[in-house]
Protein backbone atom coordinates (compact mmCIF):
# COMPACT_ATOMS: atom_id res chain seq x y z
CA MET A 1 17.08 -11.72 -19.05
CA ASN A 2 17.10 -10.22 -22.66
CA THR A 3 20.08 -7.44 -21.88
CA SER A 4 18.32 -5.34 -25.25
CA ARG A 5 15.84 -5.08 -27.71
CA GLU A 6 16.85 -5.87 -31.26
CA GLU A 7 14.63 -3.40 -32.07
CA PHE A 8 12.95 -0.11 -31.35
CA ILE A 9 9.29 -0.93 -32.71
CA LEU A 10 7.55 2.31 -31.91
CA ASN A 11 9.05 5.74 -32.83
CA GLU A 12 8.85 8.79 -30.69
CA LYS A 13 6.56 10.53 -33.27
CA GLU A 14 4.14 7.81 -32.48
CA VAL A 15 4.49 7.88 -29.32
CA ALA A 16 4.00 11.62 -29.25
CA GLU A 17 1.05 11.32 -31.54
CA ILE A 18 -0.97 8.68 -28.87
CA ARG A 19 0.41 10.90 -25.74
CA ARG A 20 -1.07 13.96 -26.86
CA ARG A 21 -4.46 11.77 -27.13
CA PHE A 22 -4.95 12.01 -23.12
CA GLN A 23 -6.47 15.36 -23.07
CA PRO A 24 -9.99 16.01 -22.63
CA GLU A 25 -10.69 17.94 -25.89
CA ARG A 26 -8.71 14.78 -27.83
CA SER A 27 -9.70 11.81 -25.69
CA ASN A 28 -12.51 9.20 -26.35
CA ILE A 29 -11.89 7.79 -23.46
CA ASN A 30 -15.28 7.94 -21.47
CA GLN A 31 -14.62 5.16 -18.64
CA VAL A 32 -11.92 4.37 -16.48
CA HIS A 33 -11.82 1.26 -14.80
CA GLY A 34 -9.58 0.35 -11.90
CA CYS A 35 -9.46 -2.01 -8.31
CA TYR A 36 -7.43 -1.03 -5.06
CA VAL A 37 -4.84 -3.84 -3.57
CA ASN A 38 -3.89 -3.39 -0.12
CA ALA A 39 -0.49 -4.48 0.78
CA GLN A 40 -1.55 -7.91 1.55
CA GLY A 41 -2.47 -8.24 -1.83
CA GLU A 42 -5.93 -8.88 -1.57
CA ILE A 43 -8.91 -6.70 -3.60
CA ILE A 44 -10.86 -4.93 -1.53
CA SER A 45 -12.92 -2.11 -3.67
CA HIS A 46 -13.21 -2.04 -7.80
CA PHE A 47 -14.63 0.94 -9.49
CA GLY A 48 -15.85 1.70 -12.95
CA GLN A 49 -15.78 5.96 -12.99
CA SER A 50 -17.45 7.84 -15.82
CA LEU A 51 -15.12 10.83 -17.52
CA ALA A 52 -18.65 11.71 -19.44
CA SER A 53 -20.25 13.39 -16.49
CA ALA A 54 -17.09 14.19 -14.41
CA PRO A 55 -15.71 17.57 -13.03
CA GLN A 56 -13.52 19.08 -15.42
CA GLU A 57 -10.56 19.23 -13.40
CA ASP A 58 -10.68 15.26 -12.46
CA VAL A 59 -10.63 14.57 -15.91
CA GLU A 60 -7.60 16.43 -16.09
CA ASN A 61 -6.14 14.63 -13.59
CA ILE A 62 -7.07 11.04 -14.41
CA LEU A 63 -6.03 11.69 -18.24
CA SER A 64 -2.69 13.09 -16.70
CA ILE A 65 -2.26 10.10 -14.52
CA LEU A 66 -2.48 7.47 -17.76
CA LYS A 67 -0.59 9.51 -20.11
CA LYS A 68 2.53 9.11 -17.47
CA VAL A 69 2.46 5.16 -18.91
CA LEU A 70 3.52 7.25 -22.20
CA SER A 71 6.41 9.33 -20.78
CA GLY A 72 10.22 9.03 -21.12
CA SER A 73 12.59 7.70 -23.32
CA LEU A 74 12.03 4.77 -25.87
CA GLY A 75 14.63 2.29 -24.21
CA LYS A 76 14.86 3.47 -20.98
CA GLN A 77 11.52 4.26 -19.34
CA LEU A 78 9.24 3.08 -22.48
CA ASN A 79 10.32 -0.32 -23.87
CA ASP A 80 8.88 -3.02 -26.44
CA ILE A 81 7.40 -6.19 -24.77
CA VAL A 82 7.48 -8.48 -28.03
CA PHE A 83 5.26 -11.63 -28.65
CA GLU A 84 6.49 -15.00 -30.24
CA THR A 85 4.52 -15.85 -33.31
CA GLN A 86 3.32 -18.56 -30.97
CA GLN A 87 1.87 -16.65 -28.34
CA VAL A 88 -0.14 -14.68 -30.67
CA VAL A 89 -1.78 -17.90 -32.22
CA ASP A 90 -2.34 -19.40 -28.91
CA SER A 91 -1.71 -18.34 -25.24
CA ASP A 92 -3.76 -17.24 -22.51
CA GLU A 93 -1.37 -13.97 -21.75
CA HIS A 94 -2.39 -12.48 -25.60
CA ARG A 95 -5.58 -13.68 -25.45
CA LEU A 96 -6.90 -12.21 -22.74
CA LEU A 97 -5.24 -8.40 -23.45
CA MET A 98 -6.95 -9.18 -26.94
CA ALA A 99 -10.33 -9.54 -25.13
CA LEU A 100 -9.80 -6.94 -22.91
CA ARG A 101 -9.43 -4.30 -26.22
CA ASP A 102 -11.63 -6.27 -27.94
CA SER A 103 -14.39 -6.30 -25.67
CA ALA A 104 -14.10 -2.34 -24.81
CA LEU A 105 -13.39 -3.26 -20.99
CA HIS A 106 -17.54 -4.12 -21.17
CA ASP A 107 -16.87 -7.39 -19.69
CA GLN A 108 -16.73 -7.52 -16.46
CA GLY A 109 -15.62 -11.06 -16.07
CA ILE A 110 -12.61 -10.07 -18.37
CA VAL A 111 -11.49 -7.43 -16.79
CA GLU A 112 -11.23 -9.42 -12.89
CA THR A 113 -9.62 -11.76 -14.68
CA PHE A 114 -7.17 -8.93 -15.45
CA TYR A 115 -6.43 -8.02 -12.62
CA GLN A 116 -6.26 -10.96 -10.75
CA ARG A 117 -3.37 -12.01 -13.15
CA VAL A 118 -1.48 -8.35 -12.30
CA MET A 119 -2.04 -9.40 -8.74
CA GLU A 120 -0.37 -12.82 -9.34
CA SER A 121 2.45 -11.39 -11.44
CA LEU A 122 3.61 -8.35 -9.93
CA THR A 123 5.92 -7.68 -6.51
CA MET A 124 4.81 -4.49 -5.04
CA GLU A 125 5.25 -3.28 -1.13
CA GLY A 126 2.60 -1.03 -0.18
CA PRO A 127 -0.78 -0.87 -1.32
CA TYR A 128 -1.23 0.04 -5.14
CA LEU A 129 -4.05 1.13 -8.21
CA ILE A 130 -4.68 -0.38 -10.85
CA LEU A 131 -6.22 1.74 -13.69
CA LEU A 132 -7.29 0.69 -17.08
CA ALA A 133 -8.69 2.70 -19.97
CA TYR A 134 -9.90 1.75 -23.09
CA GLU A 135 -9.95 4.01 -26.32
CA SER A 136 -10.76 4.25 -29.92
CA TYR A 137 -8.59 6.45 -31.82
CA ASP A 138 -9.57 7.29 -35.59
CA VAL A 139 -5.85 7.64 -37.06
CA PRO A 140 -6.11 10.90 -39.37
CA TYR A 141 -4.23 10.68 -42.95
CA ARG A 142 -0.82 12.37 -43.04
CA LEU A 143 -0.51 14.43 -45.84
CA LYS A 144 2.87 15.01 -47.63
CA ASP A 145 4.46 17.56 -45.36
CA GLY A 146 3.19 15.02 -42.41
CA ALA A 147 0.67 17.24 -41.02
CA PRO A 148 -2.76 15.43 -40.35
CA ASN A 149 -5.86 15.82 -42.75
CA PRO A 150 -8.88 16.19 -40.51
CA ASP A 151 -11.12 15.27 -43.50
CA GLY A 152 -10.47 11.73 -43.27
CA SER A 153 -8.96 8.66 -41.41
CA SER A 154 -6.83 6.11 -42.40
CA GLU A 155 -8.21 3.23 -39.73
CA VAL A 156 -8.86 2.89 -36.45
CA TYR A 157 -6.87 1.96 -33.88
CA PRO A 158 -8.52 0.45 -30.48
CA TYR A 159 -5.92 -0.10 -27.59
CA ILE A 160 -6.46 -0.10 -23.89
CA VAL A 161 -3.67 2.04 -21.43
CA CYS A 162 -2.72 0.56 -17.68
CA GLY A 163 -1.26 2.04 -15.42
CA ILE A 164 -0.44 0.42 -11.74
CA CYS A 165 -0.09 3.21 -9.14
CA PRO A 166 1.52 3.10 -5.28
CA MET A 167 -1.28 4.56 -2.73
CA LYS A 168 0.96 6.82 -0.87
CA GLU A 169 -1.11 7.41 3.01
CA THR A 170 -0.96 11.18 4.11
CA LYS A 171 0.27 11.96 7.63
CA PRO A 172 -1.72 13.67 10.49
CA ALA A 173 -1.97 17.42 9.86
CA LEU A 174 -3.81 20.20 11.40
CA ARG A 175 -5.84 22.50 8.79
CA TYR A 176 -8.09 25.40 8.91
CA ASP A 177 -11.94 25.03 8.32
CA LEU A 178 -12.91 28.24 6.42
CA PRO A 179 -16.69 27.76 6.40
CA ASP A 180 -16.46 27.25 10.36
CA SER A 181 -13.35 29.46 10.55
CA VAL A 182 -12.03 26.55 12.93
CA ILE A 183 -8.75 24.62 13.00
CA CYS A 184 -8.97 21.09 12.99
CA ASN A 185 -7.67 18.14 12.37
CA ARG A 186 -7.34 16.56 8.84
CA ASN A 187 -8.51 12.89 8.21
CA VAL A 188 -5.64 10.70 7.01
CA ASP A 189 -6.17 9.72 3.50
CA TRP A 190 -4.45 7.77 0.70
CA LEU A 191 -2.90 9.89 -2.90
CA ILE A 192 -2.59 8.02 -6.18
CA SER A 193 1.07 8.39 -6.99
CA PRO A 194 2.30 8.45 -10.50
CA PRO A 195 2.41 5.00 -12.14
CA GLU A 196 5.64 3.39 -11.29
CA LEU A 197 4.97 0.98 -13.90
CA GLY A 198 1.99 0.17 -17.03
CA PHE A 199 1.82 -0.63 -20.11
CA LEU A 200 -0.17 0.45 -23.52
CA PHE A 201 -1.77 -2.47 -26.17
CA PRO A 202 -1.04 -3.16 -28.83
CA ALA A 203 1.50 -1.23 -30.03
CA PHE A 204 1.01 1.67 -32.50
CA ASP A 205 3.73 0.52 -34.82
CA ASP A 206 3.52 2.54 -38.54
CA ARG A 207 0.45 4.65 -37.16
CA ARG A 208 -1.70 1.62 -36.91
CA ALA A 209 -2.62 -1.41 -34.04
CA ASN A 210 0.69 -4.08 -34.26
CA ILE A 211 -0.92 -6.69 -31.88
CA TYR A 212 2.78 -8.90 -31.66
CA SER A 213 4.04 -5.98 -29.40
CA ALA A 214 2.90 -3.91 -26.07
CA LEU A 215 4.84 -0.60 -25.02
CA TYR A 216 5.95 -1.59 -21.51
CA TYR A 217 6.72 1.72 -19.12
CA THR A 218 8.94 1.94 -15.83
CA LYS A 219 9.12 4.85 -14.05
CA LYS A 220 12.63 3.83 -12.24
CA THR A 221 15.34 3.17 -14.53
CA ALA A 222 17.11 1.29 -11.92
CA GLU A 223 13.43 -1.15 -11.48
CA ASN A 224 11.87 -2.34 -14.21
CA HIS A 225 9.62 -5.07 -12.53
CA PRO A 226 11.18 -7.66 -13.92
CA GLU A 227 8.79 -10.70 -12.24
CA PHE A 228 5.93 -8.77 -14.30
CA VAL A 229 7.58 -9.25 -17.50
CA GLU A 230 8.11 -12.34 -17.10
CA GLY A 231 5.37 -13.43 -14.99
CA PHE A 232 1.95 -11.25 -16.92
CA PHE A 233 3.92 -11.38 -20.65
CA ARG A 234 5.55 -14.45 -20.43
CA THR A 235 8.19 -12.90 -22.01
CA GLU A 236 11.86 -12.61 -21.23
CA PRO A 237 13.16 -10.18 -18.98
CA PHE A 238 14.91 -7.14 -20.42
CA MET A 239 17.76 -5.42 -18.46
CA PRO A 240 17.25 -1.92 -16.66
CA ALA A 241 18.56 0.72 -18.67
CA ASP A 242 20.88 1.83 -15.55
CA GLN A 243 22.15 -1.81 -15.15
CA GLN A 244 23.10 -1.36 -19.04
CA GLN A 245 25.10 1.06 -18.18
CA GLU A 246 27.04 -0.45 -15.20
CA THR A 247 27.59 -3.53 -17.27
CA PHE A 248 29.10 -1.41 -20.13
CA ARG A 249 31.65 0.49 -17.73
CA GLU A 250 31.93 -3.28 -16.21
CA ILE A 251 33.27 -5.03 -19.72
CA LEU A 252 34.85 -1.84 -21.06
CA THR A 253 37.60 -2.07 -17.44
CA LEU A 254 38.31 -5.79 -18.65
CA ALA A 255 38.30 -5.40 -22.21
CA LEU A 256 40.57 -2.50 -22.27
CA GLU A 257 42.86 -3.24 -19.39
CA ASP A 258 45.89 -0.64 -19.23
CA GLU A 259 44.34 1.13 -22.49
CA CYS A 260 41.11 1.90 -20.25
CA CYS A 261 42.86 5.76 -19.65
CA TYR A 262 41.37 9.05 -19.54
CA GLU A 263 42.15 10.08 -22.85
CA VAL A 264 40.88 6.83 -24.52
CA VAL A 265 37.24 6.89 -22.44
CA GLN A 266 36.36 10.93 -22.53
CA GLU A 267 37.34 10.66 -26.27
CA MET A 268 34.88 7.49 -26.65
CA HIS A 269 32.41 9.27 -24.88
CA GLY A 270 32.60 12.59 -26.67
CA ARG A 271 32.11 10.36 -29.94
CA ILE A 272 29.05 8.82 -28.35
CA ALA A 273 27.63 12.21 -27.34
CA GLU A 274 27.91 14.11 -30.81
CA MET A 275 26.24 10.57 -32.36
CA VAL A 276 23.51 11.57 -29.98
CA GLN A 277 23.34 15.19 -30.59
CA ASP A 278 23.64 14.61 -34.43
CA HIS A 279 20.67 12.13 -34.14
CA LYS A 280 18.52 14.73 -32.25
CA ALA A 281 19.56 17.55 -34.72
CA SER A 282 18.31 15.60 -37.65
CA LYS A 283 15.62 15.01 -35.77
CA ASN A 284 14.95 11.08 -37.24
CA PRO A 285 11.86 9.93 -35.01
CA GLU A 286 13.31 6.19 -35.34
CA PRO A 287 15.64 5.71 -31.83
CA LEU A 288 19.56 5.45 -31.94
CA SER A 289 21.30 2.61 -30.99
CA LEU A 290 24.67 1.13 -30.78
CA SER A 291 25.54 -2.47 -32.26
CA LYS A 292 28.84 -3.99 -31.02
CA SER A 293 30.56 -3.61 -34.61
CA THR A 294 29.66 -0.03 -33.82
CA MET A 295 31.25 0.26 -30.90
CA ARG A 296 34.72 -1.48 -31.89
CA ARG A 297 34.95 1.28 -34.84
CA VAL A 298 34.70 3.93 -31.98
CA LEU A 299 37.25 2.05 -29.75
CA GLU A 300 39.74 1.95 -32.48
CA ALA A 301 38.90 5.44 -33.40
CA CYS A 302 39.72 6.59 -30.26
CA GLY A 303 42.87 4.28 -30.52
CA VAL A 304 42.60 1.27 -29.14
CA ALA A 305 44.29 -2.20 -30.16
CA GLU A 306 42.45 -4.29 -32.46
CA GLU A 307 43.34 -6.97 -30.03
CA LYS A 308 41.32 -5.48 -27.22
CA ALA A 309 38.61 -3.99 -29.03
CA ALA A 310 37.96 -7.13 -30.44
CA VAL A 311 37.89 -8.42 -27.01
CA PHE A 312 35.28 -5.80 -26.06
CA GLU A 313 33.36 -6.58 -28.61
CA GLU A 314 33.28 -10.10 -27.93
CA LYS A 315 32.27 -9.11 -24.50
CA TYR A 316 29.91 -6.62 -25.48
CA ASP A 317 27.94 -8.93 -27.23
CA GLU A 318 27.78 -11.93 -24.74
CA ALA A 319 26.77 -9.06 -22.43
CA PHE A 320 23.65 -7.53 -24.93
CA GLY A 321 22.47 -10.64 -26.24
CA GLY A 322 23.92 -9.39 -29.70
CA GLY A 323 21.47 -6.50 -30.08
CA ALA A 324 21.99 -2.98 -30.13
CA VAL A 325 21.62 -0.89 -27.50
CA ASN A 326 20.42 3.06 -26.98
CA PRO A 327 23.55 5.15 -26.39
CA GLN A 328 21.67 6.91 -23.59
CA ASN A 329 21.95 4.13 -21.78
CA LEU A 330 25.62 3.35 -21.65
CA VAL A 331 27.14 7.32 -21.28
CA ASN A 332 25.77 10.77 -19.74
CA ALA A 333 25.88 12.97 -23.02
CA LYS A 334 24.64 15.76 -20.99
CA GLU A 335 27.84 16.01 -18.36
CA CYS A 336 31.02 14.90 -17.95
CA VAL A 337 32.07 13.75 -14.50
CA VAL A 338 35.36 12.73 -13.13
CA THR A 339 35.22 11.19 -9.53
CA THR A 340 37.46 9.99 -7.09
CA PRO A 341 37.09 9.20 -3.35
CA SER A 342 36.83 12.78 -1.93
CA VAL A 343 36.44 14.99 -5.16
CA THR A 344 34.39 15.04 -7.85
CA ILE A 345 34.84 17.52 -10.64
CA LYS A 346 31.46 18.15 -13.22
CA ALA A 347 32.07 19.74 -16.66
CA ASP A 348 30.16 20.01 -20.40
CA PRO A 349 30.40 17.37 -22.08
CA ASP A 350 32.66 18.99 -24.60
CA CYS A 351 34.72 20.57 -22.06
CA GLY A 352 36.07 16.83 -21.03
CA ASP A 353 39.45 17.72 -22.72
CA LEU A 354 40.16 20.49 -20.05
CA ILE A 355 40.58 17.94 -17.74
CA GLU A 356 44.40 15.67 -17.60
CA THR A 357 45.56 13.03 -15.78
CA ARG A 358 49.57 13.36 -14.60
CA VAL A 359 51.60 11.40 -12.18
CA ILE A 360 54.22 13.30 -11.04
CA ASN A 361 56.78 12.69 -8.43
CA GLY A 362 54.81 8.91 -8.33
CA ARG A 363 51.49 10.59 -7.50
CA LYS A 364 48.05 10.49 -8.95
CA TYR A 365 47.04 13.89 -10.34
CA ILE A 366 44.03 15.53 -12.04
CA LEU A 367 44.78 18.63 -13.78
CA VAL A 368 41.70 20.98 -15.08
CA GLN A 369 42.85 23.58 -17.24
CA VAL A 370 41.33 27.03 -16.18
CA ASP A 371 39.64 30.04 -18.77
CA GLY A 372 38.18 32.56 -16.90
CA GLU A 373 37.33 33.23 -13.03
CA VAL A 374 37.47 30.58 -10.81
CA ALA A 375 35.28 30.97 -7.72
CA PHE A 376 35.24 28.76 -4.48
CA ASN A 377 31.52 28.15 -2.54
CA GLY A 378 30.53 31.08 -4.69
CA VAL A 379 33.95 33.79 -3.68
CA GLN A 380 35.70 34.87 -6.19
CA VAL A 381 39.47 33.68 -5.95
CA ARG A 382 42.94 34.69 -7.24
CA PHE A 383 45.93 32.37 -7.91
CA PRO A 384 49.03 32.97 -5.84
CA GLU A 385 50.78 34.51 -8.74
CA GLU A 386 49.61 36.50 -11.31
CA GLY A 387 51.10 35.59 -14.93
CA GLN A 388 52.04 32.01 -13.88
CA ASP A 389 52.20 29.20 -16.39
CA LEU A 390 49.69 27.01 -15.23
CA GLY A 391 50.91 24.66 -18.29
CA ALA A 392 54.06 24.00 -15.22
CA PRO A 393 53.39 20.92 -13.46
CA PRO A 394 52.87 21.69 -9.90
CA GLN A 395 55.39 21.28 -7.38
CA THR A 396 55.08 18.69 -4.63
CA PRO A 397 54.33 20.26 -1.14
CA GLN A 398 57.21 19.42 1.18
CA GLY A 399 56.33 16.15 3.53
CA ALA A 400 53.43 14.87 0.72
């Protein structure tokens, strides 16, 4: 299983540009296609629904569902599927995607083949809906300041977008029928949930079509349906974002051993969080990534011995396949959390240095420097002795 992507082909601006297409006043999507798959994996209905004559509210809701396939963060919910050159030259999986796009979904035989391939590759609990749409986007020129030029188009970007949406059965309930002024039962129905996974093909790279790549979406950062990546795209699955974080924690603990103390880990998180914030402030559309050499330098700057930093670099390389990793998959840049079996302490990421660990009389303590009022379950409380030196170590209770 691939653990990371060596590069992120799309950047945030390009994803946002396509995402903005999914509005009634901007979209050129005239029809959506799909099929309903029951819990046994059988297609029980097909549809091709025109948006040209549909009510405005229906169009907005359908486009909103498709737009979800482009939501989330690059390297987290959104990842590149990169095809090998041989796949692009001659493979059934790439040939099918190109045929779907080039036919603009008008060839029903190709669409049926696509549905079958999806069902054969995907493992889902319960019924689901496969939604498929096509659009041809006239990509506008960009002026020197980056604004679009409405007077010209640089090229045409035809693409398909697919969303796979779980179906949820409603519960029986009473409703009030206003026209008849009676209370009656509401019929059990099936509702379309937001997509659990989906993709855009071809990728929108450098504001043009890149047939060597697709943008893959998963709603859950812990489950990216590797069976679908492997079965449908015929590419090696990549490690989910949550698993990347857990793997990072494991190799950090194993490599640093006795140097994996609170001060080192806190400083390391702080440095990475600062990188994330600086990158965000720079408004650089290219995703930030951390290579093994960058992580080694961070650890050494935190005071980790060279030999242990070298061990970490080796394990990092083995775990993540030599590729760079999205730092947001490794650390929580928005929060500092300290946990014990019975207590959890949460703080802003820049307040981690207010927490320290000590061993007093053989017992472990977590000390939190207090600046301001203290409340217990919302009730403001006072310290036993006003003016007590909070820097002094606490006394061990008798009998402890």
